[in-house]
Amino acid sequence: MSQEAKWYVVHTYSGYENKVKATLEKSIENNNLGHLFFDIKLPMEEVVEVKDNVQKSVMKKMLPGYVIIKMIMTDFSWYIVRNTRGVTGFVGPGSKPVPLTEAEIERLGFEQKSYAFNFEIGDNVQITAESFKDFVGIVEDIDTENQKVKVSVFFMGNETSIDFDFSEVKPIDD
C-alpha cells in the first residue's frame, strides 16, 4: 500500500514546539521510521525588533503552538505523533487529520515548485496567457528564481517587452 507523504499540522502545548520536534526526530531515528516521516518544520520568520534605539533581527515562530510534519499517514504514524509528549492532537475535524493544501504549503514556503521549461533566450514562443493568447514573441530574458520569462511582443504597432510566468508561454516547434 503505497501512499504519498503529505504535510500535516500538529497542535502542541505552548512553548513545546522545539521539544516536540526533537522528541519526534529521535523517535523516528530510534525506530527506523524514515519511510513514514520525511520532514518536521517549525515555520520561522525574521522580525526586526527595536530595543533601546538598537535594531536587532530575531527569528520568531510564525505559528506558535504548532509543528508541521511531512509524513505518510497510517494508524502507526498517527499513533507515534499523537503519543509524543507535548502534542495535543492533529489539526482537523474530530480525530481525522487533514493535510495542508498545495496553496498552504507554498504560502509557508516549505516546497518550491519548479517548472521545466524548454526555451532559451532568442527562441520564438507562443503566449498562452489570456490577455495575449496566441501572440508570438521572442524570449529576451529568463528568471529561473521567480519562474518568469521576458518576451518581446509586437503589440499595437510597437515592440514591447512583457513578463510572463513559465506556464504562460510555450515554445514554437520549428
C-alpha atoms as a PDB file:
ATOM      1  CA  MET A   1       0.000   0.000   0.000  1.00  0.00           C
ATOM      2  CA  SER A   2       1.993   2.967  -1.229  1.00  0.00           C
ATOM      3  CA  GLN A   3       0.745   6.316  -0.047  1.00  0.00           C
ATOM      4  CA  GLU A   4       2.058   9.765  -0.746  1.00  0.00           C
ATOM      5  CA  ALA A   5       3.634  11.801   2.053  1.00  0.00           C
ATOM      6  CA  LYS A   6       1.642  14.924   2.918  1.00  0.00           C
ATOM      7  CA  TRP A   7       2.142  17.861   5.274  1.00  0.00           C
ATOM      8  CA  TYR A   8       0.075  17.763   8.474  1.00  0.00           C
ATOM      9  CA  VAL A   9      -0.296  20.346  11.244  1.00  0.00           C
ATOM     10  CA  VAL A  10       0.146  19.152  14.819  1.00  0.00           C
ATOM     11  CA  HIS A  11      -1.005  21.238  17.791  1.00  0.00           C
ATOM     12  CA  THR A  12       1.330  21.350  20.789  1.00  0.00           C
ATOM     13  CA  TYR A  13       1.342  22.875  24.237  1.00  0.00           C
ATOM     14  CA  SER A  14       2.554  26.457  24.019  1.00  0.00           C
ATOM     15  CA  GLY A  15       6.358  26.598  24.191  1.00  0.00           C
ATOM     16  CA  TYR A  16       6.745  22.858  23.498  1.00  0.00           C
ATOM     17  CA  GLU A  17       7.268  23.148  19.713  1.00  0.00           C
ATOM     18  CA  ASN A  18      11.062  22.617  19.790  1.00  0.00           C
ATOM     19  CA  LYS A  19      10.773  19.774  22.322  1.00  0.00           C
ATOM     20  CA  VAL A  20       8.075  18.020  20.257  1.00  0.00           C
ATOM     21  CA  LYS A  21      10.216  18.351  17.109  1.00  0.00           C
ATOM     22  CA  ALA A  22      13.317  16.971  18.864  1.00  0.00           C
ATOM     23  CA  THR A  23      11.386  14.121  20.526  1.00  0.00           C
ATOM     24  CA  LEU A  24       9.745  13.108  17.249  1.00  0.00           C
ATOM     25  CA  GLU A  25      13.055  13.207  15.356  1.00  0.00           C
ATOM     26  CA  LYS A  26      14.684  10.984  17.995  1.00  0.00           C
ATOM     27  CA  SER A  27      11.724   8.567  17.980  1.00  0.00           C
ATOM     28  CA  ILE A  28      11.795   8.352  14.160  1.00  0.00           C
ATOM     29  CA  GLU A  29      15.542   7.676  14.193  1.00  0.00           C
ATOM     30  CA  ASN A  30      15.431   5.122  17.051  1.00  0.00           C
ATOM     31  CA  ASN A  31      12.552   3.172  15.473  1.00  0.00           C
ATOM     32  CA  ASN A  32      13.803   3.390  11.853  1.00  0.00           C
ATOM     33  CA  LEU A  33      10.661   5.200  10.699  1.00  0.00           C
ATOM     34  CA  GLY A  34      12.292   7.214   7.917  1.00  0.00           C
ATOM     35  CA  HIS A  35       9.949   5.516   5.441  1.00  0.00           C
ATOM     36  CA  LEU A  36       6.923   7.151   7.158  1.00  0.00           C
ATOM     37  CA  PHE A  37       8.302  10.528   8.269  1.00  0.00           C
ATOM     38  CA  PHE A  38      10.113  12.861   5.867  1.00  0.00           C
ATOM     39  CA  ASP A  39      10.382  16.301   7.471  1.00  0.00           C
ATOM     40  CA  ILE A  40       9.403  18.251  10.587  1.00  0.00           C
ATOM     41  CA  LYS A  41       9.242  22.045  10.460  1.00  0.00           C
ATOM     42  CA  LEU A  42       8.690  24.958  12.795  1.00  0.00           C
ATOM     43  CA  PRO A  43       7.839  27.842  10.431  1.00  0.00           C
ATOM     44  CA  MET A  44      10.001  30.839  11.368  1.00  0.00           C
ATOM     45  CA  GLU A  45      10.184  34.399  10.096  1.00  0.00           C
ATOM     46  CA  GLU A  46      12.756  37.134  10.556  1.00  0.00           C
ATOM     47  CA  VAL A  47      11.465  40.106  12.531  1.00  0.00           C
ATOM     48  CA  VAL A  48      13.309  43.370  13.262  1.00  0.00           C
ATOM     49  CA  GLU A  49      12.917  44.476  16.874  1.00  0.00           C
ATOM     50  CA  VAL A  50      13.947  47.874  18.237  1.00  0.00           C
ATOM     51  CA  LYS A  51      15.155  47.884  21.845  1.00  0.00           C
ATOM     52  CA  ASP A  52      16.897  50.903  23.400  1.00  0.00           C
ATOM     53  CA  ASN A  53      17.167  52.507  19.919  1.00  0.00           C
ATOM     54  CA  VAL A  54      19.034  49.436  18.614  1.00  0.00           C
ATOM     55  CA  GLN A  55      17.607  47.404  15.741  1.00  0.00           C
ATOM     56  CA  LYS A  56      18.051  43.679  16.075  1.00  0.00           C
ATOM     57  CA  SER A  57      16.971  40.893  13.741  1.00  0.00           C
ATOM     58  CA  VAL A  58      15.382  37.917  15.519  1.00  0.00           C
ATOM     59  CA  MET A  59      13.706  34.723  14.330  1.00  0.00           C
ATOM     60  CA  LYS A  60      10.124  34.302  15.577  1.00  0.00           C
ATOM     61  CA  LYS A  61       7.760  31.372  15.201  1.00  0.00           C
ATOM     62  CA  MET A  62       5.145  32.041  12.515  1.00  0.00           C
ATOM     63  CA  LEU A  63       2.738  29.527  14.077  1.00  0.00           C
ATOM     64  CA  PRO A  64       3.340  29.321  17.842  1.00  0.00           C
ATOM     65  CA  GLY A  65       1.866  26.138  19.286  1.00  0.00           C
ATOM     66  CA  TYR A  66       2.133  24.189  16.019  1.00  0.00           C
ATOM     67  CA  VAL A  67       4.577  21.808  14.350  1.00  0.00           C
ATOM     68  CA  ILE A  68       4.278  20.874  10.658  1.00  0.00           C
ATOM     69  CA  ILE A  69       5.137  17.286   9.704  1.00  0.00           C
ATOM     70  CA  LYS A  70       5.561  15.693   6.279  1.00  0.00           C
ATOM     71  CA  MET A  71       4.546  12.083   6.704  1.00  0.00           C
ATOM     72  CA  ILE A  72       2.645   9.164   5.303  1.00  0.00           C
ATOM     73  CA  MET A  73      -0.497   8.866   7.412  1.00  0.00           C
ATOM     74  CA  THR A  74      -1.012   5.354   8.776  1.00  0.00           C
ATOM     75  CA  ASP A  75      -2.523   4.171  12.037  1.00  0.00           C
ATOM     76  CA  PHE A  76       1.034   3.614  13.318  1.00  0.00           C
ATOM     77  CA  SER A  77       2.458   7.013  12.238  1.00  0.00           C
ATOM     78  CA  TRP A  78      -0.644   8.718  13.682  1.00  0.00           C
ATOM     79  CA  TYR A  79      -0.075   6.845  16.970  1.00  0.00           C
ATOM     80  CA  ILE A  80       3.623   7.846  17.125  1.00  0.00           C
ATOM     81  CA  VAL A  81       2.825  11.562  16.700  1.00  0.00           C
ATOM     82  CA  ARG A  82      -0.314  11.572  18.839  1.00  0.00           C
ATOM     83  CA  ASN A  83       1.520   9.942  21.779  1.00  0.00           C
ATOM     84  CA  THR A  84       4.514  12.283  21.712  1.00  0.00           C
ATOM     85  CA  ARG A  85       4.829  14.274  24.930  1.00  0.00           C
ATOM     86  CA  GLY A  86       3.600  17.855  24.362  1.00  0.00           C
ATOM     87  CA  VAL A  87       1.317  17.005  21.397  1.00  0.00           C
ATOM     88  CA  THR A  88      -2.373  17.776  21.917  1.00  0.00           C
ATOM     89  CA  GLY A  89      -3.508  16.488  18.524  1.00  0.00           C
ATOM     90  CA  PHE A  90      -3.628  16.910  14.774  1.00  0.00           C
ATOM     91  CA  VAL A  91      -5.427  19.842  13.167  1.00  0.00           C
ATOM     92  CA  GLY A  92      -8.625  18.595  11.562  1.00  0.00           C
ATOM     93  CA  PRO A  93     -12.227  17.789  12.452  1.00  0.00           C
ATOM     94  CA  GLY A  94     -12.505  15.353  15.349  1.00  0.00           C
ATOM     95  CA  SER A  95      -9.616  12.910  15.297  1.00  0.00           C
ATOM     96  CA  LYS A  96      -9.197  12.934  11.492  1.00  0.00           C
ATOM     97  CA  PRO A  97      -6.022  14.806  10.441  1.00  0.00           C
ATOM     98  CA  VAL A  98      -6.399  16.952   7.327  1.00  0.00           C
ATOM     99  CA  PRO A  99      -3.293  17.529   5.155  1.00  0.00           C
ATOM    100  CA  LEU A 100      -2.323  21.035   4.064  1.00  0.00           C
ATOM    101  CA  THR A 101      -3.325  22.087   0.555  1.00  0.00           C
ATOM    102  CA  GLU A 102      -0.715  22.888  -2.130  1.00  0.00           C
ATOM    103  CA  ALA A 103      -1.511  26.615  -1.734  1.00  0.00           C
ATOM    104  CA  GLU A 104      -0.975  26.483   2.039  1.00  0.00           C
ATOM    105  CA  ILE A 105       2.352  24.673   1.591  1.00  0.00           C
ATOM    106  CA  GLU A 106       3.511  27.275  -0.945  1.00  0.00           C
ATOM    107  CA  ARG A 107       2.475  30.137   1.363  1.00  0.00           C
ATOM    108  CA  LEU A 108       4.570  28.645   4.165  1.00  0.00           C
ATOM    109  CA  GLY A 109       7.465  28.334   1.716  1.00  0.00           C
ATOM    110  CA  PHE A 110       8.275  24.691   2.519  1.00  0.00           C
ATOM    111  CA  GLU A 111       8.321  23.400  -1.023  1.00  0.00           C
ATOM    112  CA  GLN A 112       9.084  25.487  -4.037  1.00  0.00           C
ATOM    113  CA  LYS A 113       7.514  24.277  -7.224  1.00  0.00           C
ATOM    114  CA  SER A 114       9.939  24.069 -10.068  1.00  0.00           C
ATOM    115  CA  TYR A 115       8.836  24.319 -13.631  1.00  0.00           C
ATOM    116  CA  ALA A 116      10.625  22.737 -16.500  1.00  0.00           C
ATOM    117  CA  PHE A 117      10.966  24.991 -19.498  1.00  0.00           C
ATOM    118  CA  ASN A 118      12.329  24.192 -22.901  1.00  0.00           C
ATOM    119  CA  PHE A 119      13.146  27.555 -24.424  1.00  0.00           C
ATOM    120  CA  GLU A 120      16.217  29.774 -24.476  1.00  0.00           C
ATOM    121  CA  ILE A 121      16.925  33.454 -24.976  1.00  0.00           C
ATOM    122  CA  GLY A 122      16.278  34.243 -28.644  1.00  0.00           C
ATOM    123  CA  ASP A 123      13.687  31.464 -29.126  1.00  0.00           C
ATOM    124  CA  ASN A 124      10.249  32.151 -30.564  1.00  0.00           C
ATOM    125  CA  VAL A 125       7.428  31.307 -28.143  1.00  0.00           C
ATOM    126  CA  GLN A 126       3.652  31.320 -28.301  1.00  0.00           C
ATOM    127  CA  ILE A 127       1.904  33.072 -25.436  1.00  0.00           C
ATOM    128  CA  THR A 128      -0.905  31.169 -23.716  1.00  0.00           C
ATOM    129  CA  ALA A 129      -1.795  33.870 -21.138  1.00  0.00           C
ATOM    130  CA  GLU A 130      -5.356  35.056 -21.682  1.00  0.00           C
ATOM    131  CA  SER A 131      -4.561  38.736 -22.427  1.00  0.00           C
ATOM    132  CA  PHE A 132      -2.027  37.891 -25.157  1.00  0.00           C
ATOM    133  CA  LYS A 133      -3.295  34.438 -26.150  1.00  0.00           C
ATOM    134  CA  ASP A 134      -1.763  33.143 -29.400  1.00  0.00           C
ATOM    135  CA  PHE A 135       0.654  36.090 -29.730  1.00  0.00           C
ATOM    136  CA  VAL A 136       4.156  35.099 -30.792  1.00  0.00           C
ATOM    137  CA  GLY A 137       7.231  36.718 -29.277  1.00  0.00           C
ATOM    138  CA  ILE A 138      10.957  36.331 -28.749  1.00  0.00           C
ATOM    139  CA  VAL A 139      12.432  35.343 -25.379  1.00  0.00           C
ATOM    140  CA  GLU A 140      14.616  38.203 -24.076  1.00  0.00           C
ATOM    141  CA  ASP A 141      15.357  37.046 -20.529  1.00  0.00           C
ATOM    142  CA  ILE A 142      14.708  34.034 -18.272  1.00  0.00           C
ATOM    143  CA  ASP A 143      14.386  34.450 -14.488  1.00  0.00           C
ATOM    144  CA  THR A 144      14.535  30.900 -13.095  1.00  0.00           C
ATOM    145  CA  GLU A 145      14.323  32.020  -9.451  1.00  0.00           C
ATOM    146  CA  ASN A 146      10.938  33.721  -9.964  1.00  0.00           C
ATOM    147  CA  GLN A 147       9.965  31.435 -12.863  1.00  0.00           C
ATOM    148  CA  LYS A 148       9.389  34.381 -15.200  1.00  0.00           C
ATOM    149  CA  VAL A 149      10.260  34.909 -18.829  1.00  0.00           C
ATOM    150  CA  LYS A 150      10.547  38.318 -20.549  1.00  0.00           C
ATOM    151  CA  VAL A 151       9.133  38.165 -24.072  1.00  0.00           C
ATOM    152  CA  SER A 152       9.387  40.808 -26.779  1.00  0.00           C
ATOM    153  CA  VAL A 153       5.979  41.078 -28.495  1.00  0.00           C
ATOM    154  CA  PHE A 154       4.852  43.234 -31.418  1.00  0.00           C
ATOM    155  CA  PHE A 155       1.759  44.942 -29.965  1.00  0.00           C
ATOM    156  CA  MET A 156      -0.250  47.917 -31.308  1.00  0.00           C
ATOM    157  CA  GLY A 157       2.475  48.841 -33.782  1.00  0.00           C
ATOM    158  CA  ASN A 158       5.269  48.757 -31.214  1.00  0.00           C
ATOM    159  CA  GLU A 159       7.678  46.180 -29.915  1.00  0.00           C
ATOM    160  CA  THR A 160       7.020  45.711 -26.182  1.00  0.00           C
ATOM    161  CA  SER A 161       8.713  43.563 -23.518  1.00  0.00           C
ATOM    162  CA  ILE A 162       6.292  41.723 -21.225  1.00  0.00           C
ATOM    163  CA  ASP A 163       6.965  39.376 -18.286  1.00  0.00           C
ATOM    164  CA  PHE A 164       5.104  36.072 -18.182  1.00  0.00           C
ATOM    165  CA  ASP A 165       5.162  33.025 -15.914  1.00  0.00           C
ATOM    166  CA  PHE A 166       6.861  29.971 -17.400  1.00  0.00           C
ATOM    167  CA  SER A 167       3.432  28.331 -17.608  1.00  0.00           C
ATOM    168  CA  GLU A 168       2.106  31.159 -19.818  1.00  0.00           C
ATOM    169  CA  VAL A 169       4.391  30.539 -22.806  1.00  0.00           C
ATOM    170  CA  LYS A 170       5.233  27.537 -24.922  1.00  0.00           C
ATOM    171  CA  PRO A 171       7.971  27.018 -27.483  1.00  0.00           C
ATOM    172  CA  ILE A 172       7.090  27.026 -31.149  1.00  0.00           C
ATOM    173  CA  ASP A 173       8.296  23.861 -32.840  1.00  0.00           C
ATOM    174  CA  ASP A 174      10.338  24.785 -35.886  1.00  0.00           C
END
